[in-house]
Protein backbone atom coordinates (compact mmCIF):
# COMPACT_ATOMS: atom_id res chain seq x y z
CA MET A 1 -97.26 -13.69 -17.22
CA SER A 2 -93.66 -13.38 -18.56
CA ILE A 3 -92.79 -11.47 -21.75
CA LYS A 4 -91.98 -14.75 -23.46
CA GLN A 5 -95.27 -16.32 -22.42
CA ASN A 6 -97.21 -13.28 -23.71
CA ALA A 7 -95.41 -13.69 -27.03
CA ILE A 8 -96.38 -17.35 -27.12
CA GLU A 9 -100.02 -16.37 -26.50
CA ILE A 10 -99.89 -14.01 -29.55
CA VAL A 11 -98.54 -16.86 -31.68
CA LYS A 12 -101.29 -19.17 -30.43
CA THR A 13 -103.98 -16.61 -31.23
CA LEU A 14 -102.68 -16.16 -34.77
CA ARG A 15 -102.37 -19.96 -35.22
CA ASP A 16 -105.93 -20.59 -33.96
CA LYS A 17 -107.17 -18.32 -36.76
CA GLY A 18 -105.26 -20.30 -39.36
CA TYR A 19 -102.26 -18.03 -39.78
CA LYS A 20 -98.57 -19.05 -39.66
CA ALA A 21 -96.74 -17.36 -36.79
CA LEU A 22 -93.18 -17.66 -35.54
CA PHE A 23 -90.69 -15.93 -33.24
CA ALA A 24 -88.16 -14.05 -35.39
CA GLY A 25 -84.82 -12.31 -35.15
CA GLY A 26 -82.96 -11.35 -32.00
CA CYS A 27 -85.10 -13.27 -29.55
CA VAL A 28 -84.31 -16.52 -31.37
CA ARG A 29 -80.60 -15.61 -31.47
CA ASP A 30 -80.62 -14.88 -27.75
CA MET A 31 -82.43 -18.15 -26.95
CA ILE A 32 -79.78 -20.16 -28.82
CA MET A 33 -77.05 -18.19 -26.99
CA GLN A 34 -78.86 -18.80 -23.65
CA ARG A 35 -79.31 -15.09 -23.07
CA GLU A 36 -82.33 -13.22 -21.64
CA SER A 37 -84.22 -11.39 -24.34
CA ALA A 38 -86.03 -8.11 -23.59
CA ASP A 39 -87.97 -8.13 -26.89
CA TYR A 40 -89.93 -10.75 -28.79
CA ASP A 41 -90.69 -10.13 -32.43
CA ILE A 42 -93.20 -12.25 -34.32
CA ALA A 43 -93.40 -12.92 -38.04
CA THR A 44 -96.73 -14.06 -39.46
CA SER A 45 -98.70 -14.71 -42.63
CA ALA A 46 -101.50 -12.51 -41.24
CA LEU A 47 -101.83 -9.11 -42.93
CA PRO A 48 -101.74 -5.92 -40.83
CA ARG A 49 -105.49 -5.45 -40.92
CA ASP A 50 -105.93 -9.08 -39.75
CA ILE A 51 -103.51 -8.52 -36.84
CA MET A 52 -105.34 -5.32 -35.81
CA ASN A 53 -108.69 -7.09 -35.90
CA LEU A 54 -107.45 -10.00 -33.80
CA PHE A 55 -106.00 -8.12 -30.85
CA LYS A 56 -107.61 -5.63 -28.49
CA LYS A 57 -104.78 -3.13 -28.35
CA THR A 58 -102.57 -2.51 -31.34
CA ILE A 59 -100.46 0.39 -32.71
CA SER A 60 -100.11 0.74 -36.46
CA VAL A 61 -96.57 2.17 -36.62
CA GLY A 62 -95.56 0.63 -39.93
CA ALA A 63 -98.57 -1.00 -41.46
CA GLN A 64 -97.39 0.07 -44.91
CA TYR A 65 -94.37 -2.20 -44.34
CA GLY A 66 -96.46 -4.93 -42.75
CA VAL A 67 -95.60 -4.05 -39.13
CA VAL A 68 -98.08 -3.74 -36.26
CA ILE A 69 -97.34 -3.41 -32.53
CA VAL A 70 -99.48 -5.66 -30.30
CA VAL A 71 -99.72 -4.52 -26.70
CA ARG A 72 -100.18 -7.18 -23.99
CA GLU A 73 -99.86 -6.60 -20.22
CA GLY A 74 -97.92 -3.43 -20.82
CA HIS A 75 -95.41 -4.97 -23.22
CA ASN A 76 -95.04 -4.10 -26.88
CA PHE A 77 -94.62 -6.91 -29.41
CA GLU A 78 -93.68 -6.26 -33.02
CA VAL A 79 -95.83 -8.46 -35.21
CA ALA A 80 -94.81 -8.29 -38.89
CA THR A 81 -96.19 -9.94 -42.02
CA PHE A 82 -93.73 -12.19 -43.90
CA ARG A 83 -92.40 -9.88 -46.61
CA THR A 84 -89.83 -9.18 -49.24
CA GLU A 85 -88.68 -5.67 -50.01
CA GLY A 86 -87.87 -3.62 -53.09
CA SER A 87 -84.89 -1.35 -53.52
CA TYR A 88 -83.95 1.22 -50.89
CA SER A 89 -83.68 4.62 -52.69
CA ASP A 90 -83.07 6.50 -49.45
CA GLY A 91 -80.73 3.92 -47.97
CA ARG A 92 -83.16 3.31 -45.12
CA HIS A 93 -86.70 2.38 -46.20
CA PRO A 94 -87.78 -0.07 -48.93
CA ASP A 95 -89.49 1.54 -51.91
CA TYR A 96 -92.18 -1.18 -51.75
CA VAL A 97 -93.04 -4.29 -49.76
CA SER A 98 -94.48 -7.57 -51.06
CA PHE A 99 -95.87 -10.11 -48.64
CA SER A 100 -94.19 -13.52 -48.91
CA THR A 101 -93.10 -16.75 -47.27
CA PRO A 102 -91.07 -17.29 -44.03
CA GLU A 103 -87.92 -18.21 -46.04
CA GLU A 104 -88.21 -15.13 -48.29
CA ASP A 105 -88.83 -12.99 -45.21
CA VAL A 106 -85.61 -14.17 -43.61
CA ARG A 107 -83.48 -13.53 -46.65
CA ARG A 108 -84.14 -9.78 -46.62
CA ARG A 109 -82.84 -9.44 -43.05
CA ASP A 110 -79.36 -8.10 -42.08
CA PHE A 111 -77.17 -10.74 -40.48
CA THR A 112 -77.35 -14.55 -40.33
CA ILE A 113 -77.45 -14.49 -36.53
CA ASN A 114 -80.62 -12.37 -36.74
CA GLY A 115 -82.17 -14.45 -39.53
CA LEU A 116 -83.49 -17.31 -37.38
CA LEU A 117 -87.11 -18.31 -36.82
CA TYR A 118 -88.55 -20.34 -33.97
CA ASP A 119 -91.82 -22.21 -33.63
CA PRO A 120 -92.63 -22.04 -29.89
CA ILE A 121 -95.52 -24.52 -30.29
CA LYS A 122 -93.39 -27.26 -31.86
CA ASP A 123 -90.18 -26.07 -30.14
CA GLU A 124 -88.46 -26.06 -33.53
CA ILE A 125 -85.81 -23.67 -34.96
CA LEU A 126 -86.02 -22.79 -38.66
CA ASP A 127 -82.63 -21.75 -40.08
CA TYR A 128 -82.50 -20.93 -43.79
CA VAL A 129 -79.31 -18.88 -43.70
CA GLY A 130 -76.76 -20.69 -41.50
CA GLY A 131 -77.37 -18.55 -38.47
CA ARG A 132 -76.80 -21.32 -35.96
CA ASP A 133 -73.43 -22.21 -37.46
CA ASP A 134 -72.35 -18.55 -37.33
CA ILE A 135 -73.43 -18.24 -33.73
CA ALA A 136 -71.38 -21.35 -32.89
CA ALA A 137 -68.41 -19.98 -34.79
CA GLY A 138 -68.75 -16.46 -33.40
CA ILE A 139 -69.16 -14.77 -36.79
CA ILE A 140 -71.06 -11.67 -37.92
CA ARG A 141 -71.98 -12.29 -41.57
CA THR A 142 -74.60 -10.63 -43.78
CA ILE A 143 -77.39 -12.70 -45.26
CA GLY A 144 -76.47 -12.99 -48.98
CA ASN A 145 -74.44 -10.34 -50.74
CA PRO A 146 -72.98 -7.89 -48.18
CA VAL A 147 -72.86 -4.95 -50.59
CA GLU A 148 -76.59 -5.41 -51.26
CA ARG A 149 -77.46 -5.66 -47.56
CA PHE A 150 -75.53 -2.56 -46.69
CA THR A 151 -76.75 -0.64 -49.73
CA GLU A 152 -80.29 -1.33 -48.52
CA ASP A 153 -79.59 0.22 -45.11
CA LYS A 154 -76.21 1.86 -44.49
CA LEU A 155 -76.77 1.83 -40.75
CA ARG A 156 -76.21 -1.91 -40.86
CA MET A 157 -72.50 -1.14 -41.16
CA ILE A 158 -72.48 0.27 -37.60
CA ARG A 159 -74.81 -2.48 -36.42
CA ALA A 160 -72.25 -5.05 -37.53
CA ALA A 161 -69.70 -3.48 -35.15
CA ARG A 162 -72.27 -3.32 -32.36
CA PHE A 163 -73.15 -6.98 -32.60
CA ALA A 164 -69.49 -7.95 -32.88
CA CYS A 165 -68.51 -6.10 -29.70
CA ARG A 166 -71.62 -7.13 -27.82
CA PHE A 167 -71.02 -10.81 -28.39
CA GLN A 168 -67.27 -10.66 -28.95
CA PHE A 169 -67.67 -12.12 -32.43
CA GLN A 170 -65.52 -11.63 -35.50
CA VAL A 171 -66.80 -9.80 -38.58
CA HIS A 172 -66.57 -12.11 -41.63
CA GLU A 173 -63.98 -10.98 -44.12
CA ASP A 174 -66.48 -10.45 -46.98
CA THR A 175 -68.74 -8.43 -44.66
CA LYS A 176 -65.76 -6.44 -43.37
CA GLY A 177 -64.56 -5.68 -46.92
CA ALA A 178 -67.96 -4.43 -47.99
CA ILE A 179 -68.13 -2.07 -44.92
CA ILE A 180 -64.72 -0.64 -45.60
CA ASN A 181 -65.63 0.12 -49.22
CA LEU A 182 -69.01 1.56 -48.40
CA ALA A 183 -68.04 3.44 -45.21
CA PRO A 184 -68.07 6.94 -46.81
CA GLN A 185 -71.75 6.39 -47.65
CA ILE A 186 -72.72 6.26 -43.92
CA HIS A 187 -73.55 10.00 -44.16
CA VAL A 188 -76.86 9.21 -45.89
CA VAL A 189 -78.06 7.91 -42.52
CA SER A 190 -79.63 10.45 -40.19
CA ALA A 191 -77.59 11.74 -37.28
CA GLU A 192 -80.26 10.47 -34.86
CA ARG A 193 -79.94 6.89 -36.06
CA ILE A 194 -76.16 7.03 -35.91
CA ARG A 195 -76.32 8.42 -32.41
CA GLU A 196 -78.68 5.68 -31.28
CA GLU A 197 -76.33 2.94 -32.53
CA LEU A 198 -73.28 4.72 -31.07
CA GLN A 199 -75.12 4.98 -27.73
CA LYS A 200 -75.80 1.22 -27.73
CA ILE A 201 -72.12 0.52 -28.40
CA LEU A 202 -70.81 2.94 -25.70
CA THR A 203 -73.27 1.87 -22.98
CA GLY A 204 -73.25 -1.83 -23.86
CA PRO A 205 -70.62 -4.49 -23.18
CA ASN A 206 -67.07 -4.09 -24.57
CA PRO A 207 -67.37 -0.47 -25.83
CA HIS A 208 -63.61 -0.32 -26.38
CA ILE A 209 -63.87 -3.22 -28.83
CA GLY A 210 -66.75 -1.47 -30.56
CA ILE A 211 -64.84 1.77 -31.05
CA GLN A 212 -61.71 -0.05 -32.18
CA LEU A 213 -63.73 -2.12 -34.65
CA LEU A 214 -65.42 1.04 -36.04
CA ASP A 215 -61.94 2.34 -36.63
CA GLU A 216 -60.80 -0.87 -38.40
CA LEU A 217 -63.93 -0.75 -40.56
CA CYS A 218 -63.16 2.91 -41.59
CA ILE A 219 -66.47 4.00 -40.06
CA LEU A 220 -64.98 5.92 -37.10
CA ARG A 221 -63.21 8.46 -39.33
CA GLU A 222 -66.56 9.17 -40.99
CA ILE A 223 -68.76 9.62 -37.94
CA LEU A 224 -66.17 10.69 -35.33
CA PRO A 225 -63.11 11.97 -37.18
CA GLU A 226 -62.00 13.79 -34.03
CA VAL A 227 -61.72 10.50 -32.18
CA SER A 228 -59.99 8.82 -35.16
CA GLY A 229 -57.57 11.74 -35.06
CA MET A 230 -56.30 10.63 -31.62
CA LYS A 231 -54.39 7.76 -33.21
CA GLY A 232 -50.63 8.20 -33.14
CA VAL A 233 -50.72 11.31 -30.92
CA ARG A 234 -47.91 10.61 -28.49
CA GLN A 235 -48.12 11.32 -24.76
CA PRO A 236 -45.37 11.77 -22.06
CA GLU A 237 -44.48 8.26 -20.96
CA ASN A 238 -44.15 9.17 -17.24
CA PHE A 239 -47.87 10.17 -17.15
CA HIS A 240 -49.13 7.81 -19.85
CA PRO A 241 -47.07 4.61 -20.08
CA GLU A 242 -50.06 2.96 -21.84
CA GLY A 243 -49.43 4.66 -25.17
CA ASP A 244 -50.96 7.33 -27.46
CA VAL A 245 -54.17 9.23 -26.89
CA PHE A 246 -56.28 6.72 -28.82
CA THR A 247 -54.84 3.75 -26.83
CA HIS A 248 -55.52 5.61 -23.59
CA THR A 249 -59.08 6.35 -24.62
CA LEU A 250 -59.80 2.71 -25.52
CA LEU A 251 -58.31 1.64 -22.15
CA CYS A 252 -60.60 4.15 -20.41
CA LEU A 253 -63.64 2.81 -22.23
CA SER A 254 -62.69 -0.74 -21.14
CA LYS A 255 -62.84 0.30 -17.47
CA MET A 256 -66.39 1.69 -17.57
CA GLU A 257 -69.01 -0.14 -15.55
CA ASN A 258 -72.59 0.21 -16.86
CA PRO A 259 -72.11 3.87 -17.80
CA SER A 260 -74.78 6.37 -18.70
CA TRP A 261 -74.69 7.84 -22.24
CA THR A 262 -73.31 11.14 -20.95
CA LEU A 263 -70.56 9.49 -18.90
CA ALA A 264 -69.61 7.22 -21.82
CA MET A 265 -69.35 10.21 -24.12
CA GLY A 266 -67.38 12.12 -21.52
CA VAL A 267 -64.94 9.22 -21.34
CA LEU A 268 -64.72 8.93 -25.14
CA LEU A 269 -64.12 12.66 -25.64
CA HIS A 270 -62.25 13.76 -22.51
CA ASP A 271 -58.94 13.98 -24.41
CA VAL A 272 -60.37 14.97 -27.79
CA GLY A 273 -58.62 18.33 -27.44
CA LYS A 274 -55.16 16.75 -27.28
CA PRO A 275 -54.47 16.31 -31.02
CA PRO A 276 -54.94 19.99 -31.88
CA THR A 277 -52.98 21.17 -28.79
CA PHE A 278 -50.01 18.82 -29.10
CA GLN A 279 -46.68 20.59 -28.51
CA GLU A 280 -43.19 19.13 -27.93
CA LEU A 281 -41.37 21.71 -25.84
CA ASP A 282 -39.39 20.78 -22.72
CA ARG A 283 -41.65 17.70 -22.89
CA ILE A 284 -44.87 16.81 -24.69
CA ARG A 285 -47.61 19.19 -23.60
CA PHE A 286 -51.30 19.69 -24.37
CA ASN A 287 -51.89 23.19 -22.92
CA LEU A 288 -55.58 24.01 -22.43
CA HIS A 289 -56.65 20.77 -24.08
CA GLU A 290 -59.63 20.54 -21.77
CA LYS A 291 -61.02 23.86 -23.06
CA VAL A 292 -60.32 23.07 -26.67
CA GLY A 293 -61.75 19.60 -26.10
CA ALA A 294 -64.95 21.05 -24.64
CA GLU A 295 -65.44 23.14 -27.77
CA ILE A 296 -64.94 20.07 -29.99
CA ALA A 297 -67.23 17.99 -27.79
CA ALA A 298 -69.97 20.61 -28.24
CA LYS A 299 -69.60 20.45 -32.03
CA ILE A 300 -69.78 16.65 -31.93
CA CYS A 301 -72.91 16.77 -29.80
CA ASN A 302 -74.50 19.21 -32.19
CA ARG A 303 -73.63 17.00 -35.12
CA LEU A 304 -75.13 13.95 -33.42
CA LYS A 305 -78.15 16.00 -32.39
CA THR A 306 -77.91 15.11 -28.73
CA SER A 307 -80.34 16.76 -26.38
CA ASN A 308 -79.27 20.10 -24.87
CA ALA A 309 -79.13 18.57 -21.38
CA ASP A 310 -76.89 15.72 -22.54
CA LYS A 311 -74.70 18.13 -24.45
CA GLU A 312 -74.29 20.37 -21.42
CA GLN A 313 -73.24 17.44 -19.22
CA ILE A 314 -70.82 15.97 -21.80
CA VAL A 315 -69.12 19.29 -22.37
CA TRP A 316 -68.90 19.91 -18.58
CA LEU A 317 -67.24 16.52 -18.08
CA VAL A 318 -64.68 17.26 -20.77
CA ILE A 319 -63.80 20.71 -19.50
CA LYS A 320 -63.60 19.58 -15.84
CA HIS A 321 -61.83 16.26 -16.32
CA LEU A 322 -58.48 17.61 -15.04
CA CYS A 323 -59.80 19.38 -11.95
CA PHE A 324 -59.16 16.51 -9.52
CA LYS A 325 -55.39 16.97 -9.87
CA ASP A 326 -55.76 20.33 -8.09
CA ALA A 327 -58.46 19.25 -5.61
CA GLN A 328 -56.21 18.87 -2.58
CA LYS A 329 -55.02 22.48 -3.04
CA MET A 330 -58.40 23.86 -3.99
CA ARG A 331 -60.21 26.41 -1.78
CA LEU A 332 -63.12 24.90 0.02
CA ASN A 333 -65.72 27.08 -1.75
CA LYS A 334 -64.45 25.97 -5.13
CA LEU A 335 -64.48 22.32 -4.12
CA LYS A 336 -68.04 22.70 -2.78
CA ARG A 337 -69.20 24.30 -5.98
CA LEU A 338 -67.77 21.28 -7.86
CA PHE A 339 -69.61 18.89 -5.56
CA ALA A 340 -72.88 20.85 -5.96
CA HIS A 341 -73.01 20.26 -9.71
CA GLU A 342 -75.74 17.75 -10.69
CA GLY A 343 -73.28 15.78 -12.80
CA TYR A 344 -70.54 15.53 -10.20
CA LYS A 345 -70.82 11.80 -9.58
CA GLU A 346 -70.16 11.17 -13.29
CA LEU A 347 -67.09 13.43 -13.11
CA GLU A 348 -65.87 11.47 -10.09
CA GLU A 349 -66.15 8.23 -12.12
CA LEU A 350 -64.49 9.77 -15.18
CA CYS A 351 -61.51 10.86 -13.07
CA ARG A 352 -61.24 7.40 -11.51
CA ILE A 353 -61.24 5.78 -14.93
CA ASP A 354 -58.79 8.32 -16.36
CA ALA A 355 -56.35 7.69 -13.52
CA LEU A 356 -56.67 3.89 -13.79
CA ALA A 357 -55.91 4.05 -17.51
CA SER A 358 -52.76 6.14 -17.09
CA SER A 359 -50.64 6.55 -13.95
CA GLY A 360 -52.82 4.41 -11.72
CA ASP A 361 -52.56 7.03 -8.93
CA LEU A 362 -56.04 7.34 -7.30
CA SER A 363 -55.03 9.65 -4.42
CA ASP A 364 -56.88 12.68 -5.83
CA TYR A 365 -59.97 10.55 -6.57
CA TYR A 366 -60.01 9.17 -3.02
CA PHE A 367 -59.54 12.66 -1.59
CA CYS A 368 -62.51 14.00 -3.47
CA ARG A 369 -64.68 11.03 -2.74
CA GLU A 370 -63.97 11.26 0.97
CA MET A 371 -64.60 14.99 1.06
CA TYR A 372 -67.85 14.61 -0.88
CA GLU A 373 -69.10 11.95 1.55
CA LYS A 374 -67.95 13.98 4.56
CA LEU A 375 -69.77 17.14 3.65
CA SER A 376 -73.53 17.37 4.08
CA LYS A 377 -75.88 18.60 1.33
CA GLU A 378 -76.47 21.74 3.31
CA GLU A 379 -72.74 22.46 3.48
CA VAL A 380 -72.26 21.80 -0.26
CA LYS A 381 -75.27 23.82 -1.39
CA PRO A 382 -76.49 26.02 1.48
CA LYS A 383 -79.44 28.30 1.34
CA PRO A 384 -78.30 31.79 0.24
CA LEU A 385 -77.86 34.22 3.13
CA ILE A 386 -78.91 37.27 1.05
CA SER A 387 -80.54 37.92 -2.31
CA GLY A 388 -80.84 40.70 -4.87
CA HIS A 389 -83.73 42.11 -2.89
CA ASP A 390 -81.38 42.70 0.07
CA LEU A 391 -78.94 44.52 -2.19
CA ILE A 392 -81.75 46.74 -3.50
CA ALA A 393 -82.75 47.44 0.10
CA MET A 394 -79.17 48.60 0.65
CA GLY A 395 -79.65 51.17 -2.06
CA LEU A 396 -78.03 49.41 -5.00
CA THR A 397 -79.44 49.51 -8.52
CA PRO A 398 -79.81 46.05 -10.24
CA GLY A 399 -77.00 45.37 -12.66
CA PRO A 400 -73.88 43.26 -13.39
CA ALA A 401 -72.42 44.11 -9.93
CA PHE A 402 -75.20 42.06 -8.27
CA LYS A 403 -73.81 38.73 -9.53
CA HIS A 404 -70.29 39.69 -8.46
CA ILE A 405 -71.38 40.60 -4.94
CA LEU A 406 -73.65 37.59 -4.47
CA THR A 407 -70.92 35.20 -5.72
CA LYS A 408 -68.43 36.73 -3.29
CA ILE A 409 -70.91 36.31 -0.44
CA GLU A 410 -71.53 32.72 -1.46
CA ASP A 411 -67.79 32.01 -1.57
CA GLU A 412 -67.42 33.34 1.99
CA GLN A 413 -70.41 31.27 3.08
CA LEU A 414 -69.00 28.08 1.42
CA ASP A 415 -65.63 28.73 3.10
CA GLY A 416 -67.38 28.97 6.45
CA ASN A 417 -66.31 32.58 7.05
CA ILE A 418 -69.88 33.88 7.41
CA THR A 419 -72.95 32.06 8.69
CA THR A 420 -75.65 34.67 9.26
CA LYS A 421 -77.57 37.20 7.18
CA GLU A 422 -76.18 39.99 9.27
CA GLU A 423 -72.64 38.90 8.51
CA ALA A 424 -73.51 38.60 4.81
CA ILE A 425 -74.91 42.19 4.70
CA GLU A 426 -71.83 43.50 6.49
CA LYS A 427 -69.58 41.65 4.00
CA ALA A 428 -71.65 42.99 1.05
CA GLN A 429 -71.12 46.54 2.37
CA GLU A 430 -67.34 45.89 2.49
CA ILE A 431 -67.36 44.72 -1.12
CA ILE A 432 -69.39 47.75 -2.21
CA CYS A 433 -67.05 50.11 -0.43
CA ALA A 434 -63.99 48.43 -1.85
CA LYS A 435 -65.39 48.70 -5.40
CA ALA A 436 -66.21 52.35 -4.78
CA GLY A 437 -62.66 52.99 -3.55
CA LEU A 438 -61.27 51.44 -6.73
CA ARG A 439 -63.40 53.80 -8.84
CA ASP A 440 -62.23 56.83 -6.86
């Protein structure tokens, strides 16, 4: 049974017990726009306890707000009681909830395009807020007073940008004005919720439009001032005919194809170190901007409370984003170490995008891609020929020198200069003797 049919069965069950039940929100919007919907939310006159009594498997995640999750065939359906809400003291949750009518329920929602109801039994759309007209006109507009809607939940200001870029709609002037005025208040929203919305923008359709719109709405300078700071930072025209750092970054974002969160952040932040390293000497230069950018990227990841694994990958992408320009002159062991990194394929894509959005020269990208495909996994990450135990057996005491020796041996192995354990031990002895000679 399809997700939609399961949702219809939930509606039927509620109706059979005498309750009102309707599809609500995004699934109705998607249906009107002839888009596939991954989620079906249901609004009903049934109270949470009634919902939990009616269905075999439920999860009470927000019963105090009238929300229950009904589980059918492995799918979660949010079933919520028609409600109105009191003031939002924390800018996120209503202080109290009162159960109400379908029309009252709709009027407390965020945007007109999300304020539609649908009766799947009668095949009838209920539109109390002009949502169908705004969908037809391509407009993102709050339901009622925009200042009130955004004061209730400040995150809606970022959601406005997300819906606008997702559907390529325009933000209504009144809605836009309210966001610009309230933008400094976005900081009351938790970093996790901001990150989740940002992730949806960057990994969804038209991320470049989303970031540009966040800038126009004065939100970008609040949540990502480092990215906003790229505006107006000039670049040498022979390398970057497209324009300043911000323009280049937007162009990069436009060339992404279904990116992961880490790749999208790597693309967004790869040149974040340019503004603080800008110098106009013999020409415009950004010396060590990749290292400075990696430090800034780490701070941004900490601020957004990304996972440690995501942060590590994003920072690695930023610090390595220039390495392809030296790839054709790189020693084989260094190239193999690059290929061996778990995040290499994302770096390859970042470098492709970076080149396309600037000079258009893909020769370094093609060289690396061909070399990567040519080398086997065993060549890129071979089994070590010797270990610390072998060094101990040679009479060495464990210490910092171990890493130096083992790395040198691995370099020789990756370069193809040694292939056996015997050769590795002989090479290790040479390194030890050379270090001893330097001490003498």
